[in-house]
Amino acid sequence: MSLRIVFGGIKHESNSFATFRTELKDFIVIRGRESISIFIEKCFPNICFIPT
C-alpha cells in the first residue's frame, strides 16, 4: 500500500513550511534541502510523489 503525497509551490533551495496531504491525514513539516526526502523515506517506504 502506498500513500500519495501532493505538494506544490515549494522551492527546493529554501527552508519553508510545506503542507503534505495524504489519503489518511494532513500534516505539516519544516522542509530543508535534504531533510524532507530523508523524512519521507523514513516514514513512508512506498511513496508516490505528485508535484503540483
C-alpha atoms as a PDB file:
ATOM      1  CA  MET A   1       0.000   0.000   0.000  1.00  0.00           C
ATOM      2  CA  SER A   2       1.480   3.314  -0.972  1.00  0.00           C
ATOM      3  CA  LEU A   3       0.452   6.784   0.089  1.00  0.00           C
ATOM      4  CA  ARG A   4       0.077   9.696  -2.252  1.00  0.00           C
ATOM      5  CA  ILE A   5       1.621  12.971  -1.206  1.00  0.00           C
ATOM      6  CA  VAL A   6       0.706  16.120  -3.070  1.00  0.00           C
ATOM      7  CA  PHE A   7       2.785  19.229  -2.682  1.00  0.00           C
ATOM      8  CA  GLY A   8       3.050  22.396  -4.680  1.00  0.00           C
ATOM      9  CA  GLY A   9       4.861  25.686  -4.938  1.00  0.00           C
ATOM     10  CA  ILE A  10       7.842  24.573  -2.857  1.00  0.00           C
ATOM     11  CA  LYS A  11      11.276  25.967  -3.669  1.00  0.00           C
ATOM     12  CA  HIS A  12      13.928  23.315  -3.301  1.00  0.00           C
ATOM     13  CA  GLU A  13      16.639  25.743  -2.209  1.00  0.00           C
ATOM     14  CA  SER A  14      14.900  27.367   0.722  1.00  0.00           C
ATOM     15  CA  ASN A  15      13.589  26.253   4.073  1.00  0.00           C
ATOM     16  CA  SER A  16       9.839  26.641   4.233  1.00  0.00           C
ATOM     17  CA  PHE A  17       6.688  25.235   5.688  1.00  0.00           C
ATOM     18  CA  ALA A  18       5.097  22.700   3.396  1.00  0.00           C
ATOM     19  CA  THR A  19       1.729  21.063   3.757  1.00  0.00           C
ATOM     20  CA  PHE A  20       1.600  17.427   2.793  1.00  0.00           C
ATOM     21  CA  ARG A  21      -1.739  15.898   2.000  1.00  0.00           C
ATOM     22  CA  THR A  22      -2.089  12.149   2.241  1.00  0.00           C
ATOM     23  CA  GLU A  23      -5.081   9.908   1.919  1.00  0.00           C
ATOM     24  CA  LEU A  24      -5.032   9.404   5.683  1.00  0.00           C
ATOM     25  CA  LYS A  25      -4.383  12.859   7.118  1.00  0.00           C
ATOM     26  CA  ASP A  26      -2.824  16.232   6.509  1.00  0.00           C
ATOM     27  CA  PHE A  27       0.378  17.186   8.231  1.00  0.00           C
ATOM     28  CA  ILE A  28       2.934  19.973   8.100  1.00  0.00           C
ATOM     29  CA  VAL A  29       6.689  19.590   8.153  1.00  0.00           C
ATOM     30  CA  ILE A  30       9.512  22.098   8.024  1.00  0.00           C
ATOM     31  CA  ARG A  31      11.447  21.259   4.913  1.00  0.00           C
ATOM     32  CA  GLY A  32      15.032  21.910   4.048  1.00  0.00           C
ATOM     33  CA  ARG A  33      17.083  20.960   1.029  1.00  0.00           C
ATOM     34  CA  GLU A  34      17.516  17.329   2.059  1.00  0.00           C
ATOM     35  CA  SER A  35      15.503  16.938   5.241  1.00  0.00           C
ATOM     36  CA  ILE A  36      12.188  16.341   3.513  1.00  0.00           C
ATOM     37  CA  SER A  37      13.336  13.423   1.399  1.00  0.00           C
ATOM     38  CA  ILE A  38      15.036  11.832   4.407  1.00  0.00           C
ATOM     39  CA  PHE A  39      11.877  12.342   6.476  1.00  0.00           C
ATOM     40  CA  ILE A  40       9.670  10.820   3.810  1.00  0.00           C
ATOM     41  CA  GLU A  41      11.968   7.861   3.178  1.00  0.00           C
ATOM     42  CA  LYS A  42      11.953   7.011   6.881  1.00  0.00           C
ATOM     43  CA  CYS A  43       8.213   7.469   7.384  1.00  0.00           C
ATOM     44  CA  PHE A  44       6.841   6.213   4.081  1.00  0.00           C
ATOM     45  CA  PRO A  45       8.821   3.421   2.421  1.00  0.00           C
ATOM     46  CA  ASN A  46       6.387   3.155  -0.504  1.00  0.00           C
ATOM     47  CA  ILE A  47       5.551   6.604  -1.762  1.00  0.00           C
ATOM     48  CA  CYS A  48       4.124   8.182  -4.869  1.00  0.00           C
ATOM     49  CA  PHE A  49       5.201  11.785  -5.385  1.00  0.00           C
ATOM     50  CA  ILE A  50       2.812  14.081  -7.192  1.00  0.00           C
ATOM     51  CA  PRO A  51       4.399  17.518  -7.638  1.00  0.00           C
ATOM     52  CA  THR A  52       1.874  20.252  -8.391  1.00  0.00           C
END
